[in-house]
Protein backbone atom coordinates (compact mmCIF):
# COMPACT_ATOMS: atom_id res chain seq x y z
CA MET A 1 12.82 10.87 -20.79
CA LEU A 2 13.90 11.46 -17.06
CA ILE A 3 11.35 13.94 -16.31
CA GLN A 4 8.52 11.82 -17.50
CA LYS A 5 9.74 8.74 -15.43
CA ALA A 6 9.72 10.97 -12.52
CA VAL A 7 5.90 12.21 -13.30
CA THR A 8 4.74 8.64 -13.81
CA ALA A 9 6.63 7.60 -10.49
CA LEU A 10 5.11 10.32 -8.79
CA SER A 11 1.61 10.06 -10.09
CA THR A 12 1.28 6.26 -9.68
CA PHE A 13 3.07 6.69 -6.30
CA GLY A 14 6.04 4.49 -7.03
CA GLY A 15 3.80 2.36 -9.40
CA LEU A 16 1.13 1.38 -6.99
CA GLY A 17 -1.64 2.80 -9.50
CA ASN A 18 -0.73 0.14 -11.78
CA LEU A 19 -2.28 -2.41 -9.75
CA PRO A 20 -4.83 -4.12 -11.52
CA PHE A 21 -7.60 -3.77 -9.11
CA ALA A 22 -8.72 -0.51 -7.22
CA PRO A 23 -5.83 1.44 -7.52
CA GLY A 24 -7.35 4.48 -5.74
CA THR A 25 -8.04 2.21 -2.74
CA TRP A 26 -4.38 1.01 -2.84
CA GLY A 27 -3.43 4.69 -2.89
CA SER A 28 -5.41 5.55 0.23
CA LEU A 29 -3.99 2.45 2.09
CA VAL A 30 -0.43 3.21 1.56
CA ALA A 31 -1.14 6.80 3.02
CA ILE A 32 -2.18 5.16 6.42
CA PRO A 33 1.26 3.93 7.32
CA ILE A 34 3.05 7.11 6.04
CA GLY A 35 0.56 9.15 8.08
CA TRP A 36 0.86 7.14 11.27
CA PHE A 37 4.78 7.51 10.85
CA VAL A 38 4.75 11.40 10.39
CA ILE A 39 2.20 11.99 13.27
CA GLU A 40 4.01 9.74 15.73
CA LYS A 41 7.30 11.31 14.89
CA PHE A 42 6.34 15.09 14.09
CA GLY A 43 2.70 15.46 14.89
CA ASN A 44 -0.50 16.24 13.26
CA THR A 45 0.21 19.84 11.78
CA SER A 46 3.38 18.44 10.34
CA LEU A 47 1.26 15.72 8.53
CA LEU A 48 -1.28 18.17 7.17
CA PHE A 49 1.82 20.16 5.67
CA VAL A 50 2.97 16.74 4.07
CA SER A 51 -0.35 16.32 2.47
CA LEU A 52 -0.22 19.79 1.19
CA GLY A 53 3.12 19.29 -0.20
CA VAL A 54 1.97 15.88 -1.84
CA PHE A 55 -1.14 17.85 -3.12
CA ALA A 56 1.21 20.75 -4.87
CA ILE A 57 3.44 17.83 -6.37
CA GLY A 58 0.52 16.04 -7.26
CA VAL A 59 -0.84 18.94 -9.42
CA TRP A 60 2.32 19.21 -11.38
CA ALA A 61 2.76 15.71 -11.88
CA SER A 62 -0.76 14.62 -12.40
CA SER A 63 -1.19 17.51 -14.99
CA ARG A 64 1.94 16.00 -17.07
CA PHE A 65 0.90 12.55 -16.48
CA ALA A 66 -2.58 12.92 -17.89
CA LYS A 67 -1.25 14.83 -20.94
CA HIS A 68 1.08 11.96 -21.76
CA ARG A 69 -1.64 9.28 -21.02
CA LYS A 70 -3.97 11.47 -23.22
CA THR A 71 -6.80 11.02 -20.86
CA ALA A 72 -8.38 13.79 -18.22
CA ASP A 73 -7.87 11.79 -15.08
CA PRO A 74 -5.90 8.16 -15.47
CA SER A 75 -6.94 5.85 -13.12
CA SER A 76 -3.24 4.90 -12.46
CA CYS A 77 -2.90 8.11 -11.04
CA VAL A 78 -3.24 7.84 -7.39
CA ILE A 79 -1.23 10.70 -6.01
CA ASP A 80 -4.51 12.20 -5.36
CA GLU A 81 -5.78 9.65 -3.08
CA VAL A 82 -2.51 9.63 -1.01
CA ALA A 83 -2.98 13.55 -0.48
CA GLY A 84 -6.64 13.27 0.20
CA GLN A 85 -6.08 10.33 2.69
CA LEU A 86 -3.03 11.92 4.63
CA THR A 87 -5.24 15.22 4.84
CA VAL A 88 -8.02 13.38 6.67
CA LEU A 89 -5.65 11.57 8.73
CA SER A 90 -3.95 14.72 9.69
CA PHE A 91 -6.93 15.60 11.76
CA PHE A 92 -7.04 12.65 13.95
CA ALA A 93 -5.20 10.61 16.67
CA ASN A 94 -3.13 7.51 15.71
CA ASP A 95 -5.47 5.11 16.86
CA PRO A 96 -6.19 2.16 14.59
CA VAL A 97 -10.14 2.21 14.65
CA ILE A 98 -9.99 5.92 13.92
CA MET A 99 -7.54 5.26 11.18
CA LEU A 100 -9.73 2.69 9.70
CA ALA A 101 -12.67 4.68 9.87
CA ALA A 102 -11.10 7.61 8.16
CA PHE A 103 -9.96 5.37 5.43
CA LEU A 104 -13.48 3.98 4.92
CA ILE A 105 -15.11 7.37 5.02
CA PHE A 106 -12.67 8.79 2.82
CA ARG A 107 -12.97 6.07 0.12
CA PHE A 108 -16.88 6.40 0.45
CA PHE A 109 -16.78 10.49 -0.36
CA ASP A 110 -13.84 9.91 -3.15
CA ILE A 111 -15.90 7.14 -4.89
CA ILE A 112 -19.38 8.55 -4.46
CA LYS A 113 -18.45 12.20 -5.04
CA VAL A 114 -21.21 13.87 -3.26
CA TRP A 115 -21.59 17.55 -4.26
CA PRO A 116 -19.59 19.56 -4.65
CA THR A 117 -17.36 16.93 -5.40
CA SER A 118 -19.12 15.82 -8.26
CA TRP A 119 -19.35 19.17 -10.08
CA VAL A 120 -15.61 20.04 -9.31
CA ASP A 121 -14.71 16.39 -10.88
CA ARG A 122 -16.80 17.36 -14.06
CA ASN A 123 -15.86 20.88 -14.53
CA ILE A 124 -12.37 21.45 -13.15
CA HIS A 125 -9.83 19.70 -15.43
CA GLY A 126 -5.83 19.51 -15.58
CA GLY A 127 -3.74 18.39 -12.59
CA PHE A 128 -5.55 20.76 -10.22
CA GLY A 129 -8.96 19.02 -11.33
CA ILE A 130 -7.44 15.51 -10.61
CA MET A 131 -6.23 16.59 -7.08
CA ILE A 132 -8.62 18.97 -5.71
CA ASP A 133 -11.86 16.83 -5.94
CA ASP A 134 -9.99 14.38 -3.54
CA MET A 135 -9.36 17.33 -1.36
CA ILE A 136 -12.68 18.41 -1.11
CA ALA A 137 -13.60 14.48 -0.39
CA ALA A 138 -11.11 14.81 2.37
CA VAL A 139 -12.78 17.93 3.98
CA GLN A 140 -16.04 16.25 3.70
CA SER A 141 -14.53 13.29 5.32
CA ILE A 142 -13.27 15.22 8.18
CA ALA A 143 -16.60 16.71 8.79
CA ALA A 144 -18.25 13.38 9.01
CA MET A 145 -15.92 12.06 11.13
CA LYS A 146 -15.76 14.86 13.59
CA PHE A 147 -19.66 14.82 13.68
CA ALA A 148 -19.55 11.24 14.38
CA LEU A 149 -16.94 11.38 16.98
CA PHE A 150 -18.80 14.16 18.63
CA PHE A 151 -21.93 11.87 19.07
CA LEU A 152 -20.05 8.83 19.91
CA HIS A 153 -18.07 10.49 23.05
């Protein structure tokens, strides 16, 4: 019982995933102040390690959460969006415009699921599957942002 409560709290990121509208977007949004704080206090590399830690915990928690909910990828499970958004933020400076762009681009890639994310989403299951498609979307987002910033500078 206690473990299931912890699994639910982690997977829904403290209940954030239970919000009635666009829970994944809320998961990505809550990552922004977390990312800002970690970068300010400890640097970008530390945020990357935090995001990888959230990923690892998310694999375990979302696997158990999905089994408990009897669904492959419950919409209330938002720890994957948190890990993905933190990963994107870890590659950029703490700048409000850049962070907003990182949020919008990550949401685009997470929702649209450009290949190979779409393939992974359909074929990789369990906690790893729930988490890894968001990390692939994060890599796509980082590449798109780096490309855009290169041409804007």
